[in-house]
Amino acid sequence: MALIPTIMFWFLDSYYLALERIYRSMFDEVRQRDEGKIDFNMIVPRGAVSIAAVFECMWSINNTIYYPTIVVILIITAAFF
């Protein structure tokens, strides 16, 4: 039972990491513009966060260390108890 919320939080955390990467790229784009051309638009285009980007973020170093470790511990615990 604990495996389902763990995987859901893993996916949710990866979604927000993908969203953060989009905001960082938007910031870099605005940072390189001339002062008069900056519009301060922070609206993420619809569909900018793809499933492929989320799955890519699932295997980032932060998520790879944290969530698979919890999944393995849950599986080992379920196997022995």
Protein backbone atom coordinates (compact mmCIF):
# COMPACT_ATOMS: atom_id res chain seq x y z
CA MET A 1 0.00 0.00 0.00
CA ALA A 2 2.83 2.43 0.77
CA LEU A 3 4.31 1.86 -2.67
CA ILE A 4 1.46 3.68 -4.44
CA PRO A 5 1.85 7.05 -2.62
CA THR A 6 5.63 6.81 -2.95
CA ILE A 7 5.40 6.45 -6.73
CA MET A 8 2.79 9.21 -6.90
CA PHE A 9 5.01 11.60 -4.93
CA TRP A 10 7.98 10.58 -7.11
CA PHE A 11 6.01 11.53 -10.20
CA LEU A 12 4.73 14.77 -8.61
CA ASP A 13 8.20 15.78 -7.48
CA SER A 14 9.50 15.11 -11.00
CA TYR A 15 6.70 17.20 -12.49
CA TYR A 16 7.65 20.18 -10.33
CA LEU A 17 11.33 19.69 -11.19
CA ALA A 18 10.44 19.77 -14.91
CA LEU A 19 8.39 22.92 -14.31
CA GLU A 20 11.31 24.49 -12.45
CA ARG A 21 13.59 23.75 -15.40
CA ILE A 22 11.16 25.55 -17.71
CA TYR A 23 11.08 28.60 -15.43
CA ARG A 24 14.88 28.61 -15.29
CA SER A 25 15.12 28.55 -19.07
CA MET A 26 12.56 31.38 -19.25
CA PHE A 27 14.67 33.36 -16.78
CA ASP A 28 17.81 32.79 -18.85
CA GLU A 29 15.98 33.96 -21.97
CA VAL A 30 14.77 37.15 -20.27
CA ARG A 31 18.14 37.75 -18.64
CA GLN A 32 19.83 37.99 -22.03
CA ARG A 33 17.36 40.54 -23.48
CA ASP A 34 17.85 44.28 -23.61
CA GLU A 35 16.23 46.18 -20.74
CA GLY A 36 13.59 47.75 -22.96
CA LYS A 37 12.44 44.39 -24.36
CA ILE A 38 11.83 42.64 -21.04
CA ASP A 39 8.12 41.92 -20.52
CA PHE A 40 8.27 39.97 -17.22
CA ASN A 41 5.90 37.33 -18.59
CA MET A 42 6.08 34.22 -16.40
CA ILE A 43 3.22 32.28 -17.98
CA VAL A 44 4.32 28.79 -18.95
CA PRO A 45 2.95 27.83 -22.37
CA ARG A 46 0.25 25.17 -22.27
CA GLY A 47 1.75 21.74 -22.84
CA ALA A 48 5.28 22.89 -22.05
CA VAL A 49 5.73 20.18 -19.43
CA SER A 50 5.67 16.95 -21.37
CA ILE A 51 5.48 13.43 -19.99
CA ALA A 52 8.93 12.80 -21.49
CA ALA A 53 10.34 15.73 -19.49
CA VAL A 54 8.74 14.42 -16.30
CA PHE A 55 10.17 10.92 -16.86
CA GLU A 56 13.56 12.48 -17.57
CA CYS A 57 13.36 14.33 -14.26
CA MET A 58 12.38 11.12 -12.48
CA TRP A 59 15.94 9.94 -13.08
CA SER A 60 17.67 13.15 -12.02
CA ILE A 61 20.30 12.74 -9.33
CA ASN A 62 18.03 14.03 -6.53
CA ASN A 63 15.09 11.80 -7.35
CA THR A 64 17.26 8.79 -8.22
CA ILE A 65 18.86 8.79 -4.79
CA TYR A 66 15.69 9.38 -2.81
CA TYR A 67 12.70 7.58 -4.34
CA PRO A 68 14.18 4.29 -5.62
CA THR A 69 15.76 3.84 -2.20
CA ILE A 70 12.35 4.17 -0.56
CA VAL A 71 10.80 1.78 -3.12
CA VAL A 72 13.51 -0.84 -2.49
CA ILE A 73 13.12 -0.51 1.29
CA LEU A 74 9.35 -0.92 0.95
CA ILE A 75 9.72 -4.00 -1.23
CA ILE A 76 12.25 -5.58 1.14
CA THR A 77 10.05 -4.78 4.14
CA ALA A 78 7.00 -6.26 2.43
CA ALA A 79 8.93 -9.40 1.51
CA PHE A 80 10.05 -10.10 5.08
CA PHE A 81 6.97 -9.05 7.05
